[in-house]
Amino acid sequence: MSMGGTECEHRDLEYLGEQKSEEGSNKYYLCKSCKGVIIIAPNMRGAYFVKRAGS
């Protein structure tokens, strides 16, 4: 999964949970390698990568 030009491939993920939205539920995953958070939008409409501060 290529997200935002990062060098990490985000292969070692930990499921953090989900948050309900108007269209369904956003699913949150922690990349154990780079400590970034990946958010998967409902119906796979989009994926977002949030890099932790100081990473």
PDB file of N, CA and C in Angstrom:
ATOM      1  N   MET A   1       0.857  -1.173   0.000  1.00  0.00           N
ATOM      2  CA  MET A   1       0.000   0.000   0.000  1.00  0.00           C
ATOM      3  C   MET A   1       0.897   1.228   0.000  1.00  0.00           C
ATOM      4  N   SER A   2       0.843   2.015  -1.008  1.00  0.00           N
ATOM      5  CA  SER A   2       1.629   3.231  -1.099  1.00  0.00           C
ATOM      6  C   SER A   2       0.781   4.402  -0.632  1.00  0.00           C
ATOM      7  N   MET A   3       1.234   5.072   0.396  1.00  0.00           N
ATOM      8  CA  MET A   3       0.472   6.181   0.971  1.00  0.00           C
ATOM      9  C   MET A   3       1.358   7.410   1.102  1.00  0.00           C
ATOM     10  N   GLY A   4       1.022   8.441   0.405  1.00  0.00           N
ATOM     11  CA  GLY A   4       1.671   9.733   0.593  1.00  0.00           C
ATOM     12  C   GLY A   4       3.169   9.746   0.349  1.00  0.00           C
ATOM     13  N   GLY A   5       3.691   8.855  -0.482  1.00  0.00           N
ATOM     14  CA  GLY A   5       5.106   8.865  -0.803  1.00  0.00           C
ATOM     15  C   GLY A   5       6.001   8.387   0.328  1.00  0.00           C
ATOM     16  N   THR A   6       5.453   7.706   1.300  1.00  0.00           N
ATOM     17  CA  THR A   6       6.265   7.216   2.401  1.00  0.00           C
ATOM     18  C   THR A   6       7.082   6.023   1.942  1.00  0.00           C
ATOM     19  N   GLU A   7       8.194   5.755   2.626  1.00  0.00           N
ATOM     20  CA  GLU A   7       9.055   4.646   2.270  1.00  0.00           C
ATOM     21  C   GLU A   7       8.569   3.329   2.864  1.00  0.00           C
ATOM     22  N   CYS A   8       7.769   3.366   3.891  1.00  0.00           N
ATOM     23  CA  CYS A   8       7.258   2.164   4.542  1.00  0.00           C
ATOM     24  C   CYS A   8       6.166   1.526   3.680  1.00  0.00           C
ATOM     25  N   GLU A   9       6.149   0.214   3.626  1.00  0.00           N
ATOM     26  CA  GLU A   9       5.125  -0.487   2.840  1.00  0.00           C
ATOM     27  C   GLU A   9       3.888  -0.826   3.664  1.00  0.00           C
ATOM     28  N   HIS A  10       3.899  -0.537   4.940  1.00  0.00           N
ATOM     29  CA  HIS A  10       2.747  -0.736   5.829  1.00  0.00           C
ATOM     30  C   HIS A  10       2.209  -2.171   5.763  1.00  0.00           C
ATOM     31  N   ARG A  11       3.078  -3.131   5.949  1.00  0.00           N
ATOM     32  CA  ARG A  11       2.679  -4.542   5.875  1.00  0.00           C
ATOM     33  C   ARG A  11       2.336  -5.134   7.235  1.00  0.00           C
ATOM     34  N   ASP A  12       2.890  -4.574   8.299  1.00  0.00           N
ATOM     35  CA  ASP A  12       2.657  -5.111   9.645  1.00  0.00           C
ATOM     36  C   ASP A  12       1.656  -4.198  10.363  1.00  0.00           C
ATOM     37  N   LEU A  13       0.370  -4.484  10.181  1.00  0.00           N
ATOM     38  CA  LEU A  13      -0.684  -3.606  10.689  1.00  0.00           C
ATOM     39  C   LEU A  13      -1.388  -4.214  11.901  1.00  0.00           C
ATOM     40  N   GLU A  14      -1.795  -3.327  12.794  1.00  0.00           N
ATOM     41  CA  GLU A  14      -2.599  -3.715  13.956  1.00  0.00           C
ATOM     42  C   GLU A  14      -3.931  -2.971  13.859  1.00  0.00           C
ATOM     43  N   TYR A  15      -5.020  -3.711  13.926  1.00  0.00           N
ATOM     44  CA  TYR A  15      -6.355  -3.105  13.867  1.00  0.00           C
ATOM     45  C   TYR A  15      -6.618  -2.356  15.166  1.00  0.00           C
ATOM     46  N   LEU A  16      -6.950  -1.076  15.068  1.00  0.00           N
ATOM     47  CA  LEU A  16      -7.212  -0.250  16.250  1.00  0.00           C
ATOM     48  C   LEU A  16      -8.696  -0.129  16.567  1.00  0.00           C
ATOM     49  N   GLY A  17      -9.534  -0.263  15.550  1.00  0.00           N
ATOM     50  CA  GLY A  17     -10.971  -0.147  15.780  1.00  0.00           C
ATOM     51  C   GLY A  17     -11.632   0.618  14.663  1.00  0.00           C
ATOM     52  N   GLU A  18     -12.877   0.976  14.900  1.00  0.00           N
ATOM     53  CA  GLU A  18     -13.618   1.708  13.883  1.00  0.00           C
ATOM     54  C   GLU A  18     -14.423   2.823  14.508  1.00  0.00           C
ATOM     55  N   GLN A  19     -14.789   3.769  13.666  1.00  0.00           N
ATOM     56  CA  GLN A  19     -15.590   4.920  14.092  1.00  0.00           C
ATOM     57  C   GLN A  19     -16.694   5.090  13.066  1.00  0.00           C
ATOM     58  N   LYS A  20     -17.909   5.179  13.541  1.00  0.00           N
ATOM     59  CA  LYS A  20     -19.048   5.309  12.632  1.00  0.00           C
ATOM     60  C   LYS A  20     -19.048   6.677  11.974  1.00  0.00           C
ATOM     61  N   SER A  21     -19.434   6.675  10.695  1.00  0.00           N
ATOM     62  CA  SER A  21     -19.570   7.913   9.935  1.00  0.00           C
ATOM     63  C   SER A  21     -20.931   7.878   9.244  1.00  0.00           C
ATOM     64  N   GLU A  22     -21.244   8.918   8.502  1.00  0.00           N
ATOM     65  CA  GLU A  22     -22.536   8.976   7.812  1.00  0.00           C
ATOM     66  C   GLU A  22     -22.681   7.860   6.785  1.00  0.00           C
ATOM     67  N   GLU A  23     -21.574   7.442   6.181  1.00  0.00           N
ATOM     68  CA  GLU A  23     -21.621   6.445   5.115  1.00  0.00           C
ATOM     69  C   GLU A  23     -21.311   5.025   5.590  1.00  0.00           C
ATOM     70  N   GLY A  24     -20.980   4.848   6.841  1.00  0.00           N
ATOM     71  CA  GLY A  24     -20.614   3.520   7.345  1.00  0.00           C
ATOM     72  C   GLY A  24     -19.653   3.661   8.503  1.00  0.00           C
ATOM     73  N   SER A  25     -18.532   2.961   8.432  1.00  0.00           N
ATOM     74  CA  SER A  25     -17.533   3.034   9.497  1.00  0.00           C
ATOM     75  C   SER A  25     -16.141   3.189   8.910  1.00  0.00           C
ATOM     76  N   ASN A  26     -15.371   4.123   9.474  1.00  0.00           N
ATOM     77  CA  ASN A  26     -13.962   4.245   9.141  1.00  0.00           C
ATOM     78  C   ASN A  26     -13.216   3.219   9.981  1.00  0.00           C
ATOM     79  N   LYS A  27     -12.263   2.521   9.371  1.00  0.00           N
ATOM     80  CA  LYS A  27     -11.472   1.529  10.087  1.00  0.00           C
ATOM     81  C   LYS A  27     -10.058   2.059  10.248  1.00  0.00           C
ATOM     82  N   TYR A  28      -9.514   1.907  11.451  1.00  0.00           N
ATOM     83  CA  TYR A  28      -8.210   2.458  11.783  1.00  0.00           C
ATOM     84  C   TYR A  28      -7.209   1.343  12.031  1.00  0.00           C
ATOM     85  N   TYR A  29      -6.013   1.484  11.435  1.00  0.00           N
ATOM     86  CA  TYR A  29      -4.936   0.508  11.580  1.00  0.00           C
ATOM     87  C   TYR A  29      -3.649   1.241  11.933  1.00  0.00           C
ATOM     88  N   LEU A  30      -2.861   0.649  12.814  1.00  0.00           N
ATOM     89  CA  LEU A  30      -1.554   1.180  13.180  1.00  0.00           C
ATOM     90  C   LEU A  30      -0.491   0.386  12.452  1.00  0.00           C
ATOM     91  N   CYS A  31       0.398   1.068  11.745  1.00  0.00           N
ATOM     92  CA  CYS A  31       1.536   0.400  11.124  1.00  0.00           C
ATOM     93  C   CYS A  31       2.590   0.233  12.210  1.00  0.00           C
ATOM     94  N   LYS A  32       2.919  -1.002  12.523  1.00  0.00           N
ATOM     95  CA  LYS A  32       3.892  -1.276  13.587  1.00  0.00           C
ATOM     96  C   LYS A  32       5.306  -0.867  13.190  1.00  0.00           C
ATOM     97  N   SER A  33       5.576  -0.737  11.902  1.00  0.00           N
ATOM     98  CA  SER A  33       6.913  -0.373  11.440  1.00  0.00           C
ATOM     99  C   SER A  33       7.189   1.119  11.577  1.00  0.00           C
ATOM    100  N   CYS A  34       6.297   1.963  11.038  1.00  0.00           N
ATOM    101  CA  CYS A  34       6.543   3.407  11.042  1.00  0.00           C
ATOM    102  C   CYS A  34       5.687   4.160  12.064  1.00  0.00           C
ATOM    103  N   LYS A  35       4.778   3.448  12.729  1.00  0.00           N
ATOM    104  CA  LYS A  35       3.889   4.027  13.752  1.00  0.00           C
ATOM    105  C   LYS A  35       2.874   5.008  13.189  1.00  0.00           C
ATOM    106  N   GLY A  36       2.652   4.976  11.891  1.00  0.00           N
ATOM    107  CA  GLY A  36       1.627   5.807  11.265  1.00  0.00           C
ATOM    108  C   GLY A  36       0.272   5.128  11.391  1.00  0.00           C
ATOM    109  N   VAL A  37      -0.786   5.896  11.211  1.00  0.00           N
ATOM    110  CA  VAL A  37      -2.138   5.360  11.281  1.00  0.00           C
ATOM    111  C   VAL A  37      -2.756   5.413   9.889  1.00  0.00           C
ATOM    112  N   ILE A  38      -3.349   4.301   9.484  1.00  0.00           N
ATOM    113  CA  ILE A  38      -4.019   4.206   8.189  1.00  0.00           C
ATOM    114  C   ILE A  38      -5.515   4.154   8.448  1.00  0.00           C
ATOM    115  N   ILE A  39      -6.249   5.005   7.761  1.00  0.00           N
ATOM    116  CA  ILE A  39      -7.699   5.075   7.911  1.00  0.00           C
ATOM    117  C   ILE A  39      -8.321   4.619   6.595  1.00  0.00           C
ATOM    118  N   ILE A  40      -9.153   3.596   6.669  1.00  0.00           N
ATOM    119  CA  ILE A  40      -9.845   3.084   5.490  1.00  0.00           C
ATOM    120  C   ILE A  40     -11.292   3.570   5.557  1.00  0.00           C
ATOM    121  N   ALA A  41     -11.697   4.315   4.532  1.00  0.00           N
ATOM    122  CA  ALA A  41     -13.041   4.868   4.485  1.00  0.00           C
ATOM    123  C   ALA A  41     -14.057   3.785   4.111  1.00  0.00           C
ATOM    124  N   PRO A  42     -15.335   4.012   4.418  1.00  0.00           N
ATOM    125  CA  PRO A  42     -16.383   3.037   4.090  1.00  0.00           C
ATOM    126  C   PRO A  42     -16.396   2.689   2.604  1.00  0.00           C
ATOM    127  N   ASN A  43     -16.732   1.451   2.322  1.00  0.00           N
ATOM    128  CA  ASN A  43     -16.834   0.958   0.946  1.00  0.00           C
ATOM    129  C   ASN A  43     -15.533   1.110   0.164  1.00  0.00           C
ATOM    130  N   MET A  44     -14.401   1.171   0.879  1.00  0.00           N
ATOM    131  CA  MET A  44     -13.084   1.298   0.243  1.00  0.00           C
ATOM    132  C   MET A  44     -13.010   2.499  -0.688  1.00  0.00           C
ATOM    133  N   ARG A  45     -13.741   3.559  -0.366  1.00  0.00           N
ATOM    134  CA  ARG A  45     -13.752   4.774  -1.213  1.00  0.00           C
ATOM    135  C   ARG A  45     -12.448   5.543  -1.105  1.00  0.00           C
ATOM    136  N   GLY A  46     -11.701   5.302  -0.074  1.00  0.00           N
ATOM    137  CA  GLY A  46     -10.433   6.007   0.090  1.00  0.00           C
ATOM    138  C   GLY A  46      -9.664   5.472   1.268  1.00  0.00           C
ATOM    139  N   ALA A  47      -8.387   5.706   1.248  1.00  0.00           N
ATOM    140  CA  ALA A  47      -7.514   5.333   2.357  1.00  0.00           C
ATOM    141  C   ALA A  47      -6.641   6.541   2.650  1.00  0.00           C
ATOM    142  N   TYR A  48      -6.418   6.798   3.902  1.00  0.00           N
ATOM    143  CA  TYR A  48      -5.647   7.955   4.322  1.00  0.00           C
ATOM    144  C   TYR A  48      -4.545   7.513   5.264  1.00  0.00           C
ATOM    145  N   PHE A  49      -3.391   8.135   5.143  1.00  0.00           N
ATOM    146  CA  PHE A  49      -2.262   7.827   5.998  1.00  0.00           C
ATOM    147  C   PHE A  49      -1.952   9.040   6.851  1.00  0.00           C
ATOM    148  N   VAL A  50      -1.850   8.844   8.152  1.00  0.00           N
ATOM    149  CA  VAL A  50      -1.530   9.919   9.074  1.00  0.00           C
ATOM    150  C   VAL A  50      -0.228   9.556   9.761  1.00  0.00           C
ATOM    151  N   LYS A  51       0.802  10.333   9.523  1.00  0.00           N
ATOM    152  CA  LYS A  51       2.108  10.075  10.134  1.00  0.00           C
ATOM    153  C   LYS A  51       2.139  10.719  11.506  1.00  0.00           C
ATOM    154  N   ARG A  52       2.625   9.969  12.457  1.00  0.00           N
ATOM    155  CA  ARG A  52       2.692  10.496  13.821  1.00  0.00           C
ATOM    156  C   ARG A  52       3.763  11.566  13.943  1.00  0.00           C
ATOM    157  N   ALA A  53       3.518  12.531  14.801  1.00  0.00           N
ATOM    158  CA  ALA A  53       4.477  13.609  15.042  1.00  0.00           C
ATOM    159  C   ALA A  53       5.791  13.019  15.541  1.00  0.00           C
ATOM    160  N   GLY A  54       6.887  13.539  15.031  1.00  0.00           N
ATOM    161  CA  GLY A  54       8.190  13.057  15.446  1.00  0.00           C
ATOM    162  C   GLY A  54       8.652  11.818  14.720  1.00  0.00           C
ATOM    163  N   SER A  55       7.842  11.304  13.795  1.00  0.00           N
ATOM    164  CA  SER A  55       8.212  10.088  13.047  1.00  0.00           C
ATOM    165  C   SER A  55       8.871  10.449  11.750  1.00  0.00           C
TER     166      SER A  55
END
